[in-house]
PDB file of N, CA and C in Angstrom:
ATOM      1  N   MET A   1     162.986 113.057 119.220  1.00  0.00           N
ATOM      2  CA  MET A   1     161.792 112.234 119.169  1.00  0.00           C
ATOM      3  C   MET A   1     161.013 112.393 120.474  1.00  0.00           C
ATOM      4  N   ALA A   2     159.733 112.644 120.369  1.00  0.00           N
ATOM      5  CA  ALA A   2     158.877 112.799 121.540  1.00  0.00           C
ATOM      6  C   ALA A   2     158.656 111.449 122.216  1.00  0.00           C
ATOM      7  N   ARG A   3     158.562 111.498 123.523  1.00  0.00           N
ATOM      8  CA  ARG A   3     158.293 110.275 124.269  1.00  0.00           C
ATOM      9  C   ARG A   3     156.793 110.026 124.298  1.00  0.00           C
ATOM     10  N   GLN A   4     156.461 108.735 124.347  1.00  0.00           N
ATOM     11  CA  GLN A   4     155.069 108.351 124.470  1.00  0.00           C
ATOM     12  C   GLN A   4     154.944 107.293 125.555  1.00  0.00           C
ATOM     13  N   VAL A   5     153.788 107.261 126.185  1.00  0.00           N
ATOM     14  CA  VAL A   5     153.479 106.269 127.208  1.00  0.00           C
ATOM     15  C   VAL A   5     152.320 105.441 126.696  1.00  0.00           C
ATOM     16  N   ILE A   6     152.442 104.136 126.847  1.00  0.00           N
ATOM     17  CA  ILE A   6     151.344 103.232 126.514  1.00  0.00           C
ATOM     18  C   ILE A   6     150.884 102.595 127.814  1.00  0.00           C
ATOM     19  N   TYR A   7     149.574 102.607 128.027  1.00  0.00           N
ATOM     20  CA  TYR A   7     149.040 102.046 129.261  1.00  0.00           C
ATOM     21  C   TYR A   7     147.710 101.368 129.005  1.00  0.00           C
ATOM     22  N   THR A   8     147.356 100.461 129.908  1.00  0.00           N
ATOM     23  CA  THR A   8     146.069  99.782 129.837  1.00  0.00           C
ATOM     24  C   THR A   8     145.291 100.151 131.089  1.00  0.00           C
ATOM     25  N   TYR A   9     144.130 100.731 130.872  1.00  0.00           N
ATOM     26  CA  TYR A   9     143.279 101.174 131.974  1.00  0.00           C
ATOM     27  C   TYR A   9     141.899 100.564 131.795  1.00  0.00           C
ATOM     28  N   LYS A  10     141.506  99.757 132.757  1.00  0.00           N
ATOM     29  CA  LYS A  10     140.215  99.069 132.738  1.00  0.00           C
ATOM     30  C   LYS A  10     139.981  98.355 131.412  1.00  0.00           C
ATOM     31  N   GLY A  11     141.016  97.661 130.948  1.00  0.00           N
ATOM     32  CA  GLY A  11     140.914  96.836 129.755  1.00  0.00           C
ATOM     33  C   GLY A  11     141.126  97.546 128.426  1.00  0.00           C
ATOM     34  N   LYS A  12     141.290  98.859 128.435  1.00  0.00           N
ATOM     35  CA  LYS A  12     141.493  99.598 127.191  1.00  0.00           C
ATOM     36  C   LYS A  12     142.924 100.123 127.144  1.00  0.00           C
ATOM     37  N   THR A  13     143.610  99.842 126.039  1.00  0.00           N
ATOM     38  CA  THR A  13     144.984 100.289 125.872  1.00  0.00           C
ATOM     39  C   THR A  13     145.001 101.624 125.135  1.00  0.00           C
ATOM     40  N   LYS A  14     145.768 102.564 125.701  1.00  0.00           N
ATOM     41  CA  LYS A  14     145.846 103.903 125.127  1.00  0.00           C
ATOM     42  C   LYS A  14     147.296 104.354 125.076  1.00  0.00           C
ATOM     43  N   THR A  15     147.589 105.272 124.152  1.00  0.00           N
ATOM     44  CA  THR A  15     148.918 105.860 124.027  1.00  0.00           C
ATOM     45  C   THR A  15     148.785 107.371 124.155  1.00  0.00           C
ATOM     46  N   ILE A  16     149.668 107.972 124.978  1.00  0.00           N
ATOM     47  CA  ILE A  16     149.633 109.415 125.190  1.00  0.00           C
ATOM     48  C   ILE A  16     151.036 109.988 125.049  1.00  0.00           C
ATOM     49  N   ALA A  17     151.114 111.280 124.764  1.00  0.00           N
ATOM     50  CA  ALA A  17     152.403 111.975 124.711  1.00  0.00           C
ATOM     51  C   ALA A  17     152.890 112.199 126.140  1.00  0.00           C
ATOM     52  N   PHE A  18     154.203 112.215 126.316  1.00  0.00           N
ATOM     53  CA  PHE A  18     154.787 112.400 127.643  1.00  0.00           C
ATOM     54  C   PHE A  18     155.914 113.407 127.582  1.00  0.00           C
ATOM     55  N   SER A  19     155.945 114.273 128.599  1.00  0.00           N
ATOM     56  CA  SER A  19     157.021 115.254 128.720  1.00  0.00           C
ATOM     57  C   SER A  19     157.356 115.426 130.194  1.00  0.00           C
ATOM     58  N   TYR A  20     158.649 115.415 130.521  1.00  0.00           N
ATOM     59  CA  TYR A  20     159.070 115.648 131.897  1.00  0.00           C
ATOM     60  C   TYR A  20     158.780 117.082 132.337  1.00  0.00           C
ATOM     61  N   ASP A  21     158.525 117.974 131.402  1.00  0.00           N
ATOM     62  CA  ASP A  21     158.147 119.344 131.749  1.00  0.00           C
ATOM     63  C   ASP A  21     156.781 119.391 132.431  1.00  0.00           C
ATOM     64  N   LYS A  22     155.892 118.464 132.048  1.00  0.00           N
ATOM     65  CA  LYS A  22     154.531 118.453 132.572  1.00  0.00           C
ATOM     66  C   LYS A  22     154.323 117.455 133.707  1.00  0.00           C
ATOM     67  N   HIS A  23     155.046 116.331 133.678  1.00  0.00           N
ATOM     68  CA  HIS A  23     154.799 115.262 134.646  1.00  0.00           C
ATOM     69  C   HIS A  23     156.096 114.770 135.277  1.00  0.00           C
ATOM     70  N   HIS A  24     155.981 114.343 136.518  1.00  0.00           N
ATOM     71  CA  HIS A  24     157.122 113.795 137.253  1.00  0.00           C
ATOM     72  C   HIS A  24     157.520 112.435 136.698  1.00  0.00           C
ATOM     73  N   ASP A  25     156.529 111.604 136.351  1.00  0.00           N
ATOM     74  CA  ASP A  25     156.804 110.276 135.791  1.00  0.00           C
ATOM     75  C   ASP A  25     155.621 109.800 134.949  1.00  0.00           C
ATOM     76  N   LEU A  26     155.775 108.633 134.337  1.00  0.00           N
ATOM     77  CA  LEU A  26     154.748 108.126 133.440  1.00  0.00           C
ATOM     78  C   LEU A  26     153.464 107.759 134.165  1.00  0.00           C
ATOM     79  N   TYR A  27     153.553 107.385 135.436  1.00  0.00           N
ATOM     80  CA  TYR A  27     152.352 107.064 136.204  1.00  0.00           C
ATOM     81  C   TYR A  27     151.472 108.301 136.373  1.00  0.00           C
ATOM     82  N   GLU A  28     152.074 109.420 136.688  1.00  0.00           N
ATOM     83  CA  GLU A  28     151.308 110.647 136.843  1.00  0.00           C
ATOM     84  C   GLU A  28     150.681 111.081 135.527  1.00  0.00           C
ATOM     85  N   ALA A  29     151.372 110.875 134.427  1.00  0.00           N
ATOM     86  CA  ALA A  29     150.827 111.227 133.116  1.00  0.00           C
ATOM     87  C   ALA A  29     149.603 110.371 132.789  1.00  0.00           C
ATOM     88  N   ALA A  30     149.688 109.085 133.048  1.00  0.00           N
ATOM     89  CA  ALA A  30     148.563 108.188 132.766  1.00  0.00           C
ATOM     90  C   ALA A  30     147.374 108.518 133.663  1.00  0.00           C
ATOM     91  N   ALA A  31     147.623 108.804 134.926  1.00  0.00           N
ATOM     92  CA  ALA A  31     146.541 109.149 135.842  1.00  0.00           C
ATOM     93  C   ALA A  31     145.847 110.439 135.404  1.00  0.00           C
ATOM     94  N   GLU A  32     146.640 111.426 135.001  1.00  0.00           N
ATOM     95  CA  GLU A  32     146.045 112.680 134.530  1.00  0.00           C
ATOM     96  C   GLU A  32     145.191 112.447 133.294  1.00  0.00           C
ATOM     97  N   ALA A  33     145.671 111.613 132.385  1.00  0.00           N
ATOM     98  CA  ALA A  33     144.921 111.336 131.161  1.00  0.00           C
ATOM     99  C   ALA A  33     143.566 110.693 131.467  1.00  0.00           C
ATOM    100  N   GLU A  34     143.492 109.959 132.567  1.00  0.00           N
ATOM    101  CA  GLU A  34     142.230 109.309 132.945  1.00  0.00           C
ATOM    102  C   GLU A  34     141.435 110.119 133.969  1.00  0.00           C
ATOM    103  N   GLY A  35     141.941 111.290 134.340  1.00  0.00           N
ATOM    104  CA  GLY A  35     141.217 112.163 135.252  1.00  0.00           C
ATOM    105  C   GLY A  35     141.251 111.719 136.707  1.00  0.00           C
ATOM    106  N   ILE A  36     142.300 111.004 137.096  1.00  0.00           N
ATOM    107  CA  ILE A  36     142.429 110.513 138.469  1.00  0.00           C
ATOM    108  C   ILE A  36     143.200 111.536 139.301  1.00  0.00           C
ATOM    109  N   ASP A  37     142.622 111.919 140.432  1.00  0.00           N
ATOM    110  CA  ASP A  37     143.270 112.861 141.348  1.00  0.00           C
ATOM    111  C   ASP A  37     144.257 112.092 142.227  1.00  0.00           C
ATOM    112  N   LEU A  38     145.527 112.462 142.166  1.00  0.00           N
ATOM    113  CA  LEU A  38     146.571 111.761 142.896  1.00  0.00           C
ATOM    114  C   LEU A  38     146.992 112.452 144.187  1.00  0.00           C
ATOM    115  N   THR A  39     146.248 113.442 144.648  1.00  0.00           N
ATOM    116  CA  THR A  39     146.641 114.198 145.833  1.00  0.00           C
ATOM    117  C   THR A  39     146.864 113.286 147.037  1.00  0.00           C
ATOM    118  N   GLY A  40     145.893 112.462 147.370  1.00  0.00           N
ATOM    119  CA  GLY A  40     146.010 111.546 148.506  1.00  0.00           C
ATOM    120  C   GLY A  40     147.081 110.500 148.286  1.00  0.00           C
ATOM    121  N   PHE A  41     147.164 109.997 147.072  1.00  0.00           N
ATOM    122  CA  PHE A  41     148.175 108.995 146.733  1.00  0.00           C
ATOM    123  C   PHE A  41     149.584 109.547 146.921  1.00  0.00           C
ATOM    124  N   LEU A  42     149.835 110.753 146.435  1.00  0.00           N
ATOM    125  CA  LEU A  42     151.173 111.338 146.535  1.00  0.00           C
ATOM    126  C   LEU A  42     151.562 111.602 147.987  1.00  0.00           C
ATOM    127  N   ALA A  43     150.605 111.996 148.811  1.00  0.00           N
ATOM    128  CA  ALA A  43     150.887 112.209 150.234  1.00  0.00           C
ATOM    129  C   ALA A  43     151.254 110.890 150.907  1.00  0.00           C
ATOM    130  N   MET A  44     150.520 109.836 150.595  1.00  0.00           N
ATOM    131  CA  MET A  44     150.808 108.532 151.190  1.00  0.00           C
ATOM    132  C   MET A  44     152.132 107.982 150.678  1.00  0.00           C
ATOM    133  N   GLU A  45     152.418 108.193 149.400  1.00  0.00           N
ATOM    134  CA  GLU A  45     153.684 107.727 148.831  1.00  0.00           C
ATOM    135  C   GLU A  45     154.857 108.404 149.540  1.00  0.00           C
ATOM    136  N   LYS A  46     154.699 109.671 149.840  1.00  0.00           N
ATOM    137  CA  LYS A  46     155.750 110.405 150.554  1.00  0.00           C
ATOM    138  C   LYS A  46     155.953 109.811 151.951  1.00  0.00           C
ATOM    139  N   GLN A  47     154.864 109.456 152.614  1.00  0.00           N
ATOM    140  CA  GLN A  47     154.961 108.829 153.937  1.00  0.00           C
ATOM    141  C   GLN A  47     155.658 107.475 153.857  1.00  0.00           C
ATOM    142  N   VAL A  48     155.340 106.699 152.835  1.00  0.00           N
ATOM    143  CA  VAL A  48     156.007 105.398 152.638  1.00  0.00           C
ATOM    144  C   VAL A  48     157.505 105.617 152.464  1.00  0.00           C
ATOM    145  N   ALA A  49     157.877 106.600 151.682  1.00  0.00           N
ATOM    146  CA  ALA A  49     159.294 106.890 151.440  1.00  0.00           C
ATOM    147  C   ALA A  49     160.010 107.304 152.724  1.00  0.00           C
ATOM    148  N   LEU A  50     159.339 108.070 153.559  1.00  0.00           N
ATOM    149  CA  LEU A  50     159.963 108.561 154.784  1.00  0.00           C
ATOM    150  C   LEU A  50     160.071 107.497 155.871  1.00  0.00           C
ATOM    151  N   THR A  51     159.157 106.550 155.895  1.00  0.00           N
ATOM    152  CA  THR A  51     159.125 105.584 156.992  1.00  0.00           C
ATOM    153  C   THR A  51     159.659 104.203 156.646  1.00  0.00           C
ATOM    154  N   SER A  52     159.830 103.914 155.389  1.00  0.00           N
ATOM    155  CA  SER A  52     160.242 102.569 154.992  1.00  0.00           C
ATOM    156  C   SER A  52     161.746 102.363 155.097  1.00  0.00           C
ATOM    157  N   LYS A  53     162.127 101.204 155.589  1.00  0.00           N
ATOM    158  CA  LYS A  53     163.544 100.836 155.637  1.00  0.00           C
ATOM    159  C   LYS A  53     163.998 100.237 154.306  1.00  0.00           C
ATOM    160  N   LYS A  54     163.026  99.843 153.476  1.00  0.00           N
ATOM    161  CA  LYS A  54     163.344  99.262 152.172  1.00  0.00           C
ATOM    162  C   LYS A  54     163.624 100.327 151.118  1.00  0.00           C
ATOM    163  N   GLY A  55     163.293 101.566 151.400  1.00  0.00           N
ATOM    164  CA  GLY A  55     163.580 102.667 150.487  1.00  0.00           C
ATOM    165  C   GLY A  55     162.792 102.635 149.201  1.00  0.00           C
ATOM    166  N   ALA A  56     163.507 102.717 148.083  1.00  0.00           N
ATOM    167  CA  ALA A  56     162.883 102.809 146.758  1.00  0.00           C
ATOM    168  C   ALA A  56     162.038 101.584 146.440  1.00  0.00           C
ATOM    169  N   LYS A  57     162.413 100.435 146.946  1.00  0.00           N
ATOM    170  CA  LYS A  57     161.650  99.214 146.674  1.00  0.00           C
ATOM    171  C   LYS A  57     160.242  99.323 147.253  1.00  0.00           C
ATOM    172  N   ALA A  58     160.126  99.852 148.461  1.00  0.00           N
ATOM    173  CA  ALA A  58     158.817 100.021 149.092  1.00  0.00           C
ATOM    174  C   ALA A  58     157.968 101.016 148.315  1.00  0.00           C
ATOM    175  N   GLU A  59     158.578 102.100 147.849  1.00  0.00           N
ATOM    176  CA  GLU A  59     157.854 103.092 147.055  1.00  0.00           C
ATOM    177  C   GLU A  59     157.327 102.470 145.761  1.00  0.00           C
ATOM    178  N   LYS A  60     158.180 101.704 145.101  1.00  0.00           N
ATOM    179  CA  LYS A  60     157.797 101.066 143.842  1.00  0.00           C
ATOM    180  C   LYS A  60     156.649 100.084 144.057  1.00  0.00           C
ATOM    181  N   GLU A  61     156.732  99.279 145.103  1.00  0.00           N
ATOM    182  CA  GLU A  61     155.674  98.315 145.393  1.00  0.00           C
ATOM    183  C   GLU A  61     154.361  99.030 145.722  1.00  0.00           C
ATOM    184  N   PHE A  62     154.443 100.101 146.512  1.00  0.00           N
ATOM    185  CA  PHE A  62     153.252 100.874 146.847  1.00  0.00           C
ATOM    186  C   PHE A  62     152.618 101.453 145.589  1.00  0.00           C
ATOM    187  N   ARG A  63     153.437 102.047 144.726  1.00  0.00           N
ATOM    188  CA  ARG A  63     152.947 102.657 143.485  1.00  0.00           C
ATOM    189  C   ARG A  63     152.267 101.619 142.604  1.00  0.00           C
ATOM    190  N   GLN A  64     152.910 100.468 142.412  1.00  0.00           N
ATOM    191  CA  GLN A  64     152.333  99.429 141.557  1.00  0.00           C
ATOM    192  C   GLN A  64     151.018  98.894 142.128  1.00  0.00           C
ATOM    193  N   THR A  65     150.978  98.694 143.436  1.00  0.00           N
ATOM    194  CA  THR A  65     149.758  98.190 144.072  1.00  0.00           C
ATOM    195  C   THR A  65     148.617  99.187 143.935  1.00  0.00           C
ATOM    196  N   GLU A  66     148.890 100.450 144.219  1.00  0.00           N
ATOM    197  CA  GLU A  66     147.846 101.456 144.158  1.00  0.00           C
ATOM    198  C   GLU A  66     147.356 101.687 142.729  1.00  0.00           C
ATOM    199  N   PHE A  67     148.262 101.696 141.765  1.00  0.00           N
ATOM    200  CA  PHE A  67     147.826 101.913 140.383  1.00  0.00           C
ATOM    201  C   PHE A  67     147.034 100.732 139.852  1.00  0.00           C
ATOM    202  N   SER A  68     147.343  99.531 140.291  1.00  0.00           N
ATOM    203  CA  SER A  68     146.513  98.392 139.887  1.00  0.00           C
ATOM    204  C   SER A  68     145.136  98.506 140.544  1.00  0.00           C
ATOM    205  N   ARG A  69     145.080  99.040 141.763  1.00  0.00           N
ATOM    206  CA  ARG A  69     143.798  99.274 142.435  1.00  0.00           C
ATOM    207  C   ARG A  69     142.979 100.342 141.688  1.00  0.00           C
ATOM    208  N   PHE A  70     143.652 101.342 141.124  1.00  0.00           N
ATOM    209  CA  PHE A  70     142.967 102.366 140.335  1.00  0.00           C
ATOM    210  C   PHE A  70     142.383 101.792 139.041  1.00  0.00           C
ATOM    211  N   GLY A  71     142.934 100.666 138.552  1.00  0.00           N
ATOM    212  CA  GLY A  71     142.441 100.061 137.317  1.00  0.00           C
ATOM    213  C   GLY A  71     143.480  99.933 136.214  1.00  0.00           C
ATOM    214  N   PHE A  72     144.725 100.307 136.489  1.00  0.00           N
ATOM    215  CA  PHE A  72     145.792 100.200 135.496  1.00  0.00           C
ATOM    216  C   PHE A  72     146.424  98.804 135.577  1.00  0.00           C
ATOM    217  N   THR A  73     146.622  98.176 134.428  1.00  0.00           N
ATOM    218  CA  THR A  73     147.289  96.869 134.425  1.00  0.00           C
ATOM    219  C   THR A  73     148.683  96.947 133.820  1.00  0.00           C
ATOM    220  N   SER A  74     148.962  98.006 133.086  1.00  0.00           N
ATOM    221  CA  SER A  74     150.276  98.151 132.464  1.00  0.00           C
ATOM    222  C   SER A  74     150.517  99.625 132.166  1.00  0.00           C
ATOM    223  N   ILE A  75     151.714 100.105 132.521  1.00  0.00           N
ATOM    224  CA  ILE A  75     152.117 101.472 132.182  1.00  0.00           C
ATOM    225  C   ILE A  75     153.594 101.417 131.829  1.00  0.00           C
ATOM    226  N   LYS A  76     153.921 101.843 130.610  1.00  0.00           N
ATOM    227  CA  LYS A  76     155.331 101.815 130.202  1.00  0.00           C
ATOM    228  C   LYS A  76     155.565 102.817 129.077  1.00  0.00           C
ATOM    229  N   PHE A  77     156.851 103.140 128.878  1.00  0.00           N
ATOM    230  CA  PHE A  77     157.217 103.981 127.755  1.00  0.00           C
ATOM    231  C   PHE A  77     157.125 103.169 126.471  1.00  0.00           C
ATOM    232  N   VAL A  78     156.723 103.823 125.383  1.00  0.00           N
ATOM    233  CA  VAL A  78     156.683 103.180 124.070  1.00  0.00           C
ATOM    234  C   VAL A  78     158.124 103.043 123.580  1.00  0.00           C
ATOM    235  N   ARG A  79     158.476 101.867 123.165  1.00  0.00           N
ATOM    236  CA  ARG A  79     159.803 101.608 122.614  1.00  0.00           C
ATOM    237  C   ARG A  79     159.664 101.424 121.097  1.00  0.00           C
ATOM    238  N   ASP A  80     160.786 101.446 120.410  1.00  0.00           N
ATOM    239  CA  ASP A  80     160.756 101.295 118.957  1.00  0.00           C
ATOM    240  C   ASP A  80     160.075  99.999 118.543  1.00  0.00           C
ATOM    241  N   GLU A  81     160.277  98.915 119.312  1.00  0.00           N
ATOM    242  CA  GLU A  81     159.645  97.623 118.985  1.00  0.00           C
ATOM    243  C   GLU A  81     158.119  97.733 119.076  1.00  0.00           C
ATOM    244  N   ASP A  82     157.614  98.502 120.055  1.00  0.00           N
ATOM    245  CA  ASP A  82     156.189  98.670 120.227  1.00  0.00           C
ATOM    246  C   ASP A  82     155.557  99.424 119.059  1.00  0.00           C
ATOM    247  N   GLU A  83     156.286 100.416 118.536  1.00  0.00           N
ATOM    248  CA  GLU A  83     155.773 101.216 117.422  1.00  0.00           C
ATOM    249  C   GLU A  83     155.693 100.419 116.133  1.00  0.00           C
ATOM    250  N   ALA A  84     156.538  99.418 115.974  1.00  0.00           N
ATOM    251  CA  ALA A  84     156.577  98.626 114.752  1.00  0.00           C
ATOM    252  C   ALA A  84     155.363  97.715 114.629  1.00  0.00           C
ATOM    253  N   LYS A  85     154.692  97.455 115.737  1.00  0.00           N
ATOM    254  CA  LYS A  85     153.515  96.544 115.726  1.00  0.00           C
ATOM    255  C   LYS A  85     152.321  97.174 115.094  1.00  0.00           C
TER     256      LYS A  85
END
């Protein structure tokens, strides 16, 4: 079964196909679908990872904050319950 990502961007909910062959994670897939260049974001995320004592938690918080700033309010994998709706 193919994976799908459901996300809300600037008030519009969309569903896209997802493959680990093309994208590192679901955030990158959603950004690509909306035409957002993540070059600067990925460089800063790497710096957060290298300098933070909180580790993965700091990266996750940075990612969530920046993606909400881009206009995303929700990004997640589609689950069987979501498809039934």
